[in-house]
């Protein structure tokens, strides 16, 4: 299936739940609401024409206005790639765990929770992974994070 065929298939089958975004430079990129995330993720994995069975990466991003959670997924059997983006409000950011769909999400979700403070609901082992056990200085990947010995470099456009 070509990138164009994949886009047409996604539009036809999932168009009401996935919004295409123009910034998908190499792989198709879609926005999905946090309420539809689990349903869409499971459907993309179970769809026999797609079989998105592999979570390549999961990451958080702070835009200063909101958080974004990006899922890079692939189908090993169909040789397909796709990216999903969920936009979360800056205050009270929380998202459901996709660990039951893609077990590899375990560490990615822990890292996102630890570094950004994005709450991951229904995660089975949400505990510190990268920071010391006694860490109490906030979330180091947030744009507004500050610490006594932290030197902020200018933003690059």
C-alpha atoms as a PDB file:
ATOM      1  CA  UNK A   1       0.000   0.000   0.000  1.00  0.00           C
ATOM      2  CA  UNK A   2       1.461   3.376  -0.984  1.00  0.00           C
ATOM      3  CA  UNK A   3       1.357   6.453   1.222  1.00  0.00           C
ATOM      4  CA  UNK A   4      -1.481   7.846  -0.914  1.00  0.00           C
ATOM      5  CA  UNK A   5      -3.446   4.593  -0.719  1.00  0.00           C
ATOM      6  CA  UNK A   6      -2.941   4.506   3.044  1.00  0.00           C
ATOM      7  CA  UNK A   7      -4.193   8.106   3.355  1.00  0.00           C
ATOM      8  CA  UNK A   8      -7.287   7.283   1.283  1.00  0.00           C
ATOM      9  CA  UNK A   9      -7.988   4.137   3.345  1.00  0.00           C
ATOM     10  CA  UNK A  10      -7.579   6.001   6.646  1.00  0.00           C
ATOM     11  CA  UNK A  11      -9.866   8.794   5.423  1.00  0.00           C
ATOM     12  CA  UNK A  12     -12.539   6.343   4.328  1.00  0.00           C
ATOM     13  CA  UNK A  13     -12.468   4.084   7.382  1.00  0.00           C
ATOM     14  CA  UNK A  14     -11.364   6.398  10.218  1.00  0.00           C
ATOM     15  CA  UNK A  15     -12.111   9.868   8.852  1.00  0.00           C
ATOM     16  CA  UNK A  16     -14.517  10.796  11.640  1.00  0.00           C
ATOM     17  CA  UNK A  17     -11.950  10.030  14.357  1.00  0.00           C
ATOM     18  CA  UNK A  18      -8.662  11.030  12.722  1.00  0.00           C
ATOM     19  CA  UNK A  19      -7.857  14.497  11.404  1.00  0.00           C
ATOM     20  CA  UNK A  20      -4.986  14.655   8.900  1.00  0.00           C
ATOM     21  CA  UNK A  21      -2.251  17.161   9.730  1.00  0.00           C
ATOM     22  CA  UNK A  22      -0.002  18.774   7.147  1.00  0.00           C
ATOM     23  CA  UNK A  23       3.185  18.444   9.167  1.00  0.00           C
ATOM     24  CA  UNK A  24       3.580  14.731   8.440  1.00  0.00           C
ATOM     25  CA  UNK A  25       6.801  15.221   6.499  1.00  0.00           C
ATOM     26  CA  UNK A  26       7.763  11.586   5.983  1.00  0.00           C
ATOM     27  CA  UNK A  27       4.928   9.570   7.479  1.00  0.00           C
ATOM     28  CA  UNK A  28       1.258  10.418   7.568  1.00  0.00           C
ATOM     29  CA  UNK A  29       0.317  12.365  10.706  1.00  0.00           C
ATOM     30  CA  UNK A  30      -3.152  12.456  12.235  1.00  0.00           C
ATOM     31  CA  UNK A  31      -4.641  14.156  15.247  1.00  0.00           C
ATOM     32  CA  UNK A  32      -6.854  12.014  17.456  1.00  0.00           C
ATOM     33  CA  UNK A  33      -8.770  13.146  20.526  1.00  0.00           C
ATOM     34  CA  UNK A  34      -7.759  11.643  23.840  1.00  0.00           C
ATOM     35  CA  UNK A  35     -11.288  10.213  24.144  1.00  0.00           C
ATOM     36  CA  UNK A  36     -10.884   8.276  20.888  1.00  0.00           C
ATOM     37  CA  UNK A  37      -7.249   7.246  21.359  1.00  0.00           C
ATOM     38  CA  UNK A  38      -7.739   3.726  22.726  1.00  0.00           C
ATOM     39  CA  UNK A  39     -10.506   2.854  20.274  1.00  0.00           C
ATOM     40  CA  UNK A  40      -8.514   4.118  17.284  1.00  0.00           C
ATOM     41  CA  UNK A  41      -5.254   2.502  18.434  1.00  0.00           C
ATOM     42  CA  UNK A  42      -6.943  -0.887  18.911  1.00  0.00           C
ATOM     43  CA  UNK A  43      -8.741  -0.579  15.566  1.00  0.00           C
ATOM     44  CA  UNK A  44      -5.515   0.282  13.729  1.00  0.00           C
ATOM     45  CA  UNK A  45      -3.838  -2.747  15.270  1.00  0.00           C
ATOM     46  CA  UNK A  46      -6.750  -5.130  14.575  1.00  0.00           C
ATOM     47  CA  UNK A  47      -7.537  -3.898  11.049  1.00  0.00           C
ATOM     48  CA  UNK A  48      -6.406  -6.758   8.783  1.00  0.00           C
ATOM     49  CA  UNK A  49      -5.515  -4.300   6.005  1.00  0.00           C
ATOM     50  CA  UNK A  50      -3.218  -2.271   8.297  1.00  0.00           C
ATOM     51  CA  UNK A  51      -2.050  -4.385  11.267  1.00  0.00           C
ATOM     52  CA  UNK A  52      -0.264  -1.559  13.128  1.00  0.00           C
ATOM     53  CA  UNK A  53       1.328  -3.976  15.557  1.00  0.00           C
ATOM     54  CA  UNK A  54       4.490  -2.079  16.518  1.00  0.00           C
ATOM     55  CA  UNK A  55       4.882   1.053  18.625  1.00  0.00           C
ATOM     56  CA  UNK A  56       8.151   2.576  17.359  1.00  0.00           C
ATOM     57  CA  UNK A  57       8.147   5.509  19.745  1.00  0.00           C
ATOM     58  CA  UNK A  58       5.923   7.517  22.039  1.00  0.00           C
ATOM     59  CA  UNK A  59       6.897  10.985  23.139  1.00  0.00           C
ATOM     60  CA  UNK A  60       5.643  14.075  24.868  1.00  0.00           C
ATOM     61  CA  UNK A  61       6.185  17.655  23.765  1.00  0.00           C
ATOM     62  CA  UNK A  62       5.591  20.976  25.513  1.00  0.00           C
ATOM     63  CA  UNK A  63       4.568  23.833  23.190  1.00  0.00           C
ATOM     64  CA  UNK A  64       4.101  26.335  26.073  1.00  0.00           C
ATOM     65  CA  UNK A  65       0.374  26.419  25.209  1.00  0.00           C
ATOM     66  CA  UNK A  66      -0.421  22.703  25.478  1.00  0.00           C
ATOM     67  CA  UNK A  67       1.166  19.281  25.584  1.00  0.00           C
ATOM     68  CA  UNK A  68       1.316  16.925  22.645  1.00  0.00           C
ATOM     69  CA  UNK A  69       1.661  13.163  22.863  1.00  0.00           C
ATOM     70  CA  UNK A  70       2.905  11.609  19.632  1.00  0.00           C
ATOM     71  CA  UNK A  71       2.717   7.926  18.775  1.00  0.00           C
ATOM     72  CA  UNK A  72       4.904   6.594  15.948  1.00  0.00           C
ATOM     73  CA  UNK A  73       3.409   3.255  14.923  1.00  0.00           C
ATOM     74  CA  UNK A  74       4.256   0.719  12.258  1.00  0.00           C
ATOM     75  CA  UNK A  75       2.982  -2.452  10.679  1.00  0.00           C
ATOM     76  CA  UNK A  76       5.724  -5.032  10.397  1.00  0.00           C
ATOM     77  CA  UNK A  77       3.587  -7.271   8.169  1.00  0.00           C
ATOM     78  CA  UNK A  78       2.300  -4.561   5.823  1.00  0.00           C
ATOM     79  CA  UNK A  79       5.404  -2.307   5.859  1.00  0.00           C
ATOM     80  CA  UNK A  80       3.411   0.794   6.848  1.00  0.00           C
ATOM     81  CA  UNK A  81       4.121   3.745   9.159  1.00  0.00           C
ATOM     82  CA  UNK A  82       1.818   6.300  10.719  1.00  0.00           C
ATOM     83  CA  UNK A  83       1.994   8.962  13.404  1.00  0.00           C
ATOM     84  CA  UNK A  84      -0.793   9.937  15.793  1.00  0.00           C
ATOM     85  CA  UNK A  85      -0.896  13.135  17.831  1.00  0.00           C
ATOM     86  CA  UNK A  86      -3.036  13.839  20.887  1.00  0.00           C
ATOM     87  CA  UNK A  87      -3.238  17.428  22.129  1.00  0.00           C
ATOM     88  CA  UNK A  88      -3.708  17.860  25.877  1.00  0.00           C
ATOM     89  CA  UNK A  89      -4.407  20.989  27.922  1.00  0.00           C
ATOM     90  CA  UNK A  90      -1.432  22.334  29.821  1.00  0.00           C
ATOM     91  CA  UNK A  91      -3.197  22.133  33.171  1.00  0.00           C
ATOM     92  CA  UNK A  92      -4.415  18.700  34.264  1.00  0.00           C
ATOM     93  CA  UNK A  93      -2.850  16.851  31.321  1.00  0.00           C
ATOM     94  CA  UNK A  94      -3.741  13.176  31.386  1.00  0.00           C
ATOM     95  CA  UNK A  95      -4.033  10.369  28.874  1.00  0.00           C
ATOM     96  CA  UNK A  96      -4.964   6.690  28.915  1.00  0.00           C
ATOM     97  CA  UNK A  97      -2.179   4.135  28.722  1.00  0.00           C
ATOM     98  CA  UNK A  98      -1.841   2.226  25.440  1.00  0.00           C
ATOM     99  CA  UNK A  99       0.205  -0.449  27.164  1.00  0.00           C
ATOM    100  CA  UNK A 100      -2.449  -3.155  26.662  1.00  0.00           C
ATOM    101  CA  UNK A 101      -2.414  -2.484  22.906  1.00  0.00           C
ATOM    102  CA  UNK A 102       1.336  -2.001  22.504  1.00  0.00           C
ATOM    103  CA  UNK A 103       3.292  -3.349  25.521  1.00  0.00           C
ATOM    104  CA  UNK A 104       6.357  -1.311  24.484  1.00  0.00           C
ATOM    105  CA  UNK A 105       4.503   1.780  25.736  1.00  0.00           C
ATOM    106  CA  UNK A 106       5.477   0.899  29.311  1.00  0.00           C
ATOM    107  CA  UNK A 107       8.802   2.736  29.492  1.00  0.00           C
ATOM    108  CA  UNK A 108       7.809   5.488  27.050  1.00  0.00           C
ATOM    109  CA  UNK A 109       4.781   6.382  29.167  1.00  0.00           C
ATOM    110  CA  UNK A 110       6.843   6.325  32.347  1.00  0.00           C
ATOM    111  CA  UNK A 111       9.387   8.669  30.792  1.00  0.00           C
ATOM    112  CA  UNK A 112       6.647  11.042  29.583  1.00  0.00           C
ATOM    113  CA  UNK A 113       5.029  11.097  33.022  1.00  0.00           C
ATOM    114  CA  UNK A 114       8.359  11.627  34.751  1.00  0.00           C
ATOM    115  CA  UNK A 115       9.757  14.323  32.443  1.00  0.00           C
ATOM    116  CA  UNK A 116       6.579  16.263  31.557  1.00  0.00           C
ATOM    117  CA  UNK A 117       4.152  15.468  34.352  1.00  0.00           C
ATOM    118  CA  UNK A 118       1.543  14.123  31.934  1.00  0.00           C
ATOM    119  CA  UNK A 119      -0.553  11.710  33.968  1.00  0.00           C
ATOM    120  CA  UNK A 120      -0.898   8.280  32.348  1.00  0.00           C
ATOM    121  CA  UNK A 121      -4.114   6.653  33.520  1.00  0.00           C
ATOM    122  CA  UNK A 122      -4.294   2.872  33.963  1.00  0.00           C
ATOM    123  CA  UNK A 123      -0.550   2.371  33.600  1.00  0.00           C
ATOM    124  CA  UNK A 124       0.439  -0.707  35.616  1.00  0.00           C
ATOM    125  CA  UNK A 125       3.831   0.505  36.910  1.00  0.00           C
ATOM    126  CA  UNK A 126       4.051   4.301  36.934  1.00  0.00           C
ATOM    127  CA  UNK A 127       7.227   5.031  38.866  1.00  0.00           C
ATOM    128  CA  UNK A 128      10.427   6.970  38.303  1.00  0.00           C
ATOM    129  CA  UNK A 129      12.651   5.604  35.557  1.00  0.00           C
ATOM    130  CA  UNK A 130      15.322   8.200  34.776  1.00  0.00           C
ATOM    131  CA  UNK A 131      15.425  10.582  37.727  1.00  0.00           C
ATOM    132  CA  UNK A 132      16.660   9.770  41.243  1.00  0.00           C
ATOM    133  CA  UNK A 133      14.137   8.200  43.608  1.00  0.00           C
ATOM    134  CA  UNK A 134      14.157  11.310  45.807  1.00  0.00           C
ATOM    135  CA  UNK A 135      13.571  13.762  42.898  1.00  0.00           C
ATOM    136  CA  UNK A 136      11.374  16.698  43.932  1.00  0.00           C
ATOM    137  CA  UNK A 137      12.383  19.465  41.512  1.00  0.00           C
ATOM    138  CA  UNK A 138       9.481  19.288  39.059  1.00  0.00           C
ATOM    139  CA  UNK A 139       9.390  18.120  35.467  1.00  0.00           C
ATOM    140  CA  UNK A 140      12.666  18.850  33.641  1.00  0.00           C
ATOM    141  CA  UNK A 141      11.340  18.706  30.055  1.00  0.00           C
ATOM    142  CA  UNK A 142       8.703  21.397  30.590  1.00  0.00           C
ATOM    143  CA  UNK A 143       9.538  24.699  28.957  1.00  0.00           C
ATOM    144  CA  UNK A 144       8.914  26.558  32.238  1.00  0.00           C
ATOM    145  CA  UNK A 145      11.077  24.239  34.373  1.00  0.00           C
ATOM    146  CA  UNK A 146      13.809  25.869  36.369  1.00  0.00           C
ATOM    147  CA  UNK A 147      16.346  24.731  38.932  1.00  0.00           C
ATOM    148  CA  UNK A 148      19.072  26.573  40.859  1.00  0.00           C
ATOM    149  CA  UNK A 149      21.929  25.289  38.678  1.00  0.00           C
ATOM    150  CA  UNK A 150      20.011  25.199  35.382  1.00  0.00           C
ATOM    151  CA  UNK A 151      21.174  27.558  32.615  1.00  0.00           C
ATOM    152  CA  UNK A 152      18.484  28.191  29.996  1.00  0.00           C
ATOM    153  CA  UNK A 153      19.734  28.637  26.448  1.00  0.00           C
ATOM    154  CA  UNK A 154      17.852  30.803  23.957  1.00  0.00           C
ATOM    155  CA  UNK A 155      15.085  29.131  21.914  1.00  0.00           C
ATOM    156  CA  UNK A 156      15.969  28.383  18.310  1.00  0.00           C
ATOM    157  CA  UNK A 157      13.377  29.191  15.670  1.00  0.00           C
END
